[in-house]
Amino acid sequence: MKEEQNITQGIKKGIAKAILWVFLILFFSLSVIVLAMQSSAVQTKVAQYGSDYLSEKLGFDISIEKINIEWFDQITLSGLYVKNKDKSTFIDLKKIWIDYDIKQLINDKSILFDNLRLHC
């Protein structure tokens, strides 16, 4: 009987350790992703994947040189270039600077910016 209790306790400890390891791995993985997304290089790569996807879906050529998102406050896009389906230039901007309030973006149904600057 005592031997069965020891086996049961060993199994419970093993399961608890496995669950703990899973949570730790998930926590550190998410932390690495969040920290990586703070980097302008990673943000730019993700934006370029997004622009490639939109290009394919919309039929427009869309390219972004660089993006820098300062979470909860502002976004800066550099080198936004869009060609329409006829391959003529639709948008060609050197820089877009957007200042926003994250609370308004989350809570409101409309998108409101505090400030928007376009540099051609």
Protein backbone atom coordinates (compact mmCIF):
# COMPACT_ATOMS: atom_id res chain seq x y z
CA MET A 1 0.00 0.00 0.00
CA LYS A 2 2.77 2.41 0.94
CA GLU A 3 4.57 1.56 -2.30
CA GLU A 4 1.45 2.53 -4.31
CA GLN A 5 1.28 5.87 -2.49
CA ASN A 6 4.94 6.57 -3.34
CA ILE A 7 4.28 5.75 -7.00
CA THR A 8 1.18 7.99 -7.02
CA GLN A 9 3.11 10.84 -5.38
CA GLY A 10 5.93 10.39 -7.89
CA ILE A 11 3.47 10.58 -10.77
CA LYS A 12 1.83 13.71 -9.32
CA LYS A 13 5.23 15.37 -8.86
CA GLY A 14 6.19 14.47 -12.44
CA ILE A 15 2.95 15.93 -13.82
CA ALA A 16 3.38 19.09 -11.72
CA LYS A 17 6.96 19.50 -13.00
CA ALA A 18 5.85 18.98 -16.60
CA ILE A 19 3.08 21.57 -16.24
CA LEU A 20 5.51 24.02 -14.63
CA TRP A 21 8.00 23.54 -17.50
CA VAL A 22 5.27 24.08 -20.10
CA PHE A 23 4.22 27.35 -18.43
CA LEU A 24 7.82 28.52 -18.11
CA ILE A 25 8.57 27.75 -21.76
CA LEU A 26 5.40 29.56 -22.88
CA PHE A 27 6.20 32.55 -20.66
CA PHE A 28 9.76 32.88 -21.92
CA SER A 29 8.72 32.33 -25.54
CA LEU A 30 6.11 35.07 -25.32
CA SER A 31 8.63 37.33 -23.58
CA VAL A 32 11.14 36.83 -26.39
CA ILE A 33 8.46 37.59 -29.00
CA VAL A 34 7.35 40.75 -27.18
CA LEU A 35 10.94 41.94 -26.80
CA ALA A 36 11.72 41.15 -30.44
CA MET A 37 8.69 43.16 -31.56
CA GLN A 38 10.22 46.21 -29.87
CA SER A 39 12.95 46.15 -32.52
CA SER A 40 12.42 48.28 -35.60
CA ALA A 41 14.08 45.60 -37.75
CA VAL A 42 11.59 42.95 -36.63
CA GLN A 43 8.67 45.38 -36.98
CA THR A 44 9.83 46.21 -40.51
CA LYS A 45 10.10 42.53 -41.48
CA VAL A 46 6.59 41.83 -40.15
CA ALA A 47 5.24 44.92 -41.98
CA GLN A 48 6.90 43.76 -45.21
CA TYR A 49 5.23 40.36 -44.88
CA GLY A 50 1.95 42.19 -44.33
CA SER A 51 2.48 44.45 -47.33
CA ASP A 52 3.29 41.40 -49.50
CA TYR A 53 0.06 39.77 -48.35
CA LEU A 54 -1.96 42.93 -49.07
CA SER A 55 -0.27 43.30 -52.46
CA GLU A 56 -1.39 39.81 -53.37
CA LYS A 57 -4.95 40.25 -52.09
CA LEU A 58 -5.55 43.76 -53.45
CA GLY A 59 -3.55 43.56 -56.67
CA PHE A 60 -1.56 46.68 -55.73
CA ASP A 61 2.22 46.73 -55.39
CA ILE A 62 2.85 47.83 -51.79
CA SER A 63 6.27 48.31 -50.25
CA ILE A 64 7.48 49.66 -46.92
CA GLU A 65 11.14 50.50 -46.31
CA LYS A 66 10.96 50.81 -42.54
CA ILE A 67 8.47 50.95 -39.71
CA ASN A 68 8.99 51.96 -36.10
CA ILE A 69 6.15 51.43 -33.64
CA GLU A 70 6.49 52.99 -30.24
CA TRP A 71 3.78 51.02 -28.51
CA PHE A 72 0.85 52.96 -27.11
CA ASP A 73 1.99 56.26 -28.63
CA GLN A 74 3.20 56.57 -32.22
CA ILE A 75 4.04 54.88 -35.51
CA THR A 76 6.56 56.04 -38.08
CA LEU A 77 6.49 54.55 -41.59
CA SER A 78 9.33 55.32 -43.97
CA GLY A 79 9.25 54.70 -47.70
CA LEU A 80 5.60 53.78 -48.26
CA TYR A 81 5.11 53.13 -51.94
CA VAL A 82 1.89 51.87 -53.56
CA LYS A 83 1.24 51.23 -57.24
CA ASN A 84 -2.31 50.63 -58.43
CA LYS A 85 -3.42 47.80 -60.70
CA ASP A 86 -2.39 49.84 -63.77
CA LYS A 87 1.15 50.04 -62.30
CA SER A 88 0.99 53.81 -61.95
CA THR A 89 2.06 55.43 -58.67
CA PHE A 90 -0.83 55.65 -56.24
CA ILE A 91 1.05 56.62 -53.05
CA ASP A 92 4.69 57.63 -52.71
CA LEU A 93 5.55 58.95 -49.26
CA LYS A 94 8.98 59.34 -47.72
CA LYS A 95 7.63 59.32 -44.19
CA ILE A 96 4.36 59.07 -42.29
CA TRP A 97 4.26 59.91 -38.61
CA ILE A 98 1.13 58.96 -36.67
CA ASP A 99 0.54 59.95 -33.07
CA TYR A 100 -2.37 58.15 -31.41
CA ASP A 101 -3.96 57.31 -28.10
CA ILE A 102 -4.22 53.54 -27.67
CA LYS A 103 -7.35 53.90 -25.51
CA GLN A 104 -9.22 55.53 -28.40
CA LEU A 105 -8.14 52.81 -30.81
CA ILE A 106 -9.32 50.07 -28.47
CA ASN A 107 -12.55 51.62 -27.17
CA ASP A 108 -13.98 53.63 -30.06
CA LYS A 109 -15.61 52.32 -33.20
CA SER A 110 -13.88 54.95 -35.32
CA ILE A 111 -10.13 55.40 -35.74
CA LEU A 112 -8.92 58.76 -34.44
CA PHE A 113 -5.36 60.03 -34.53
CA ASP A 114 -3.98 62.77 -32.30
CA ASN A 115 -1.63 63.93 -35.04
CA LEU A 116 -0.68 62.81 -38.53
CA ARG A 117 2.23 64.11 -40.62
CA LEU A 118 2.97 63.15 -44.21
CA HIS A 119 6.32 63.87 -45.85
CA CYS A 120 6.37 63.56 -49.63
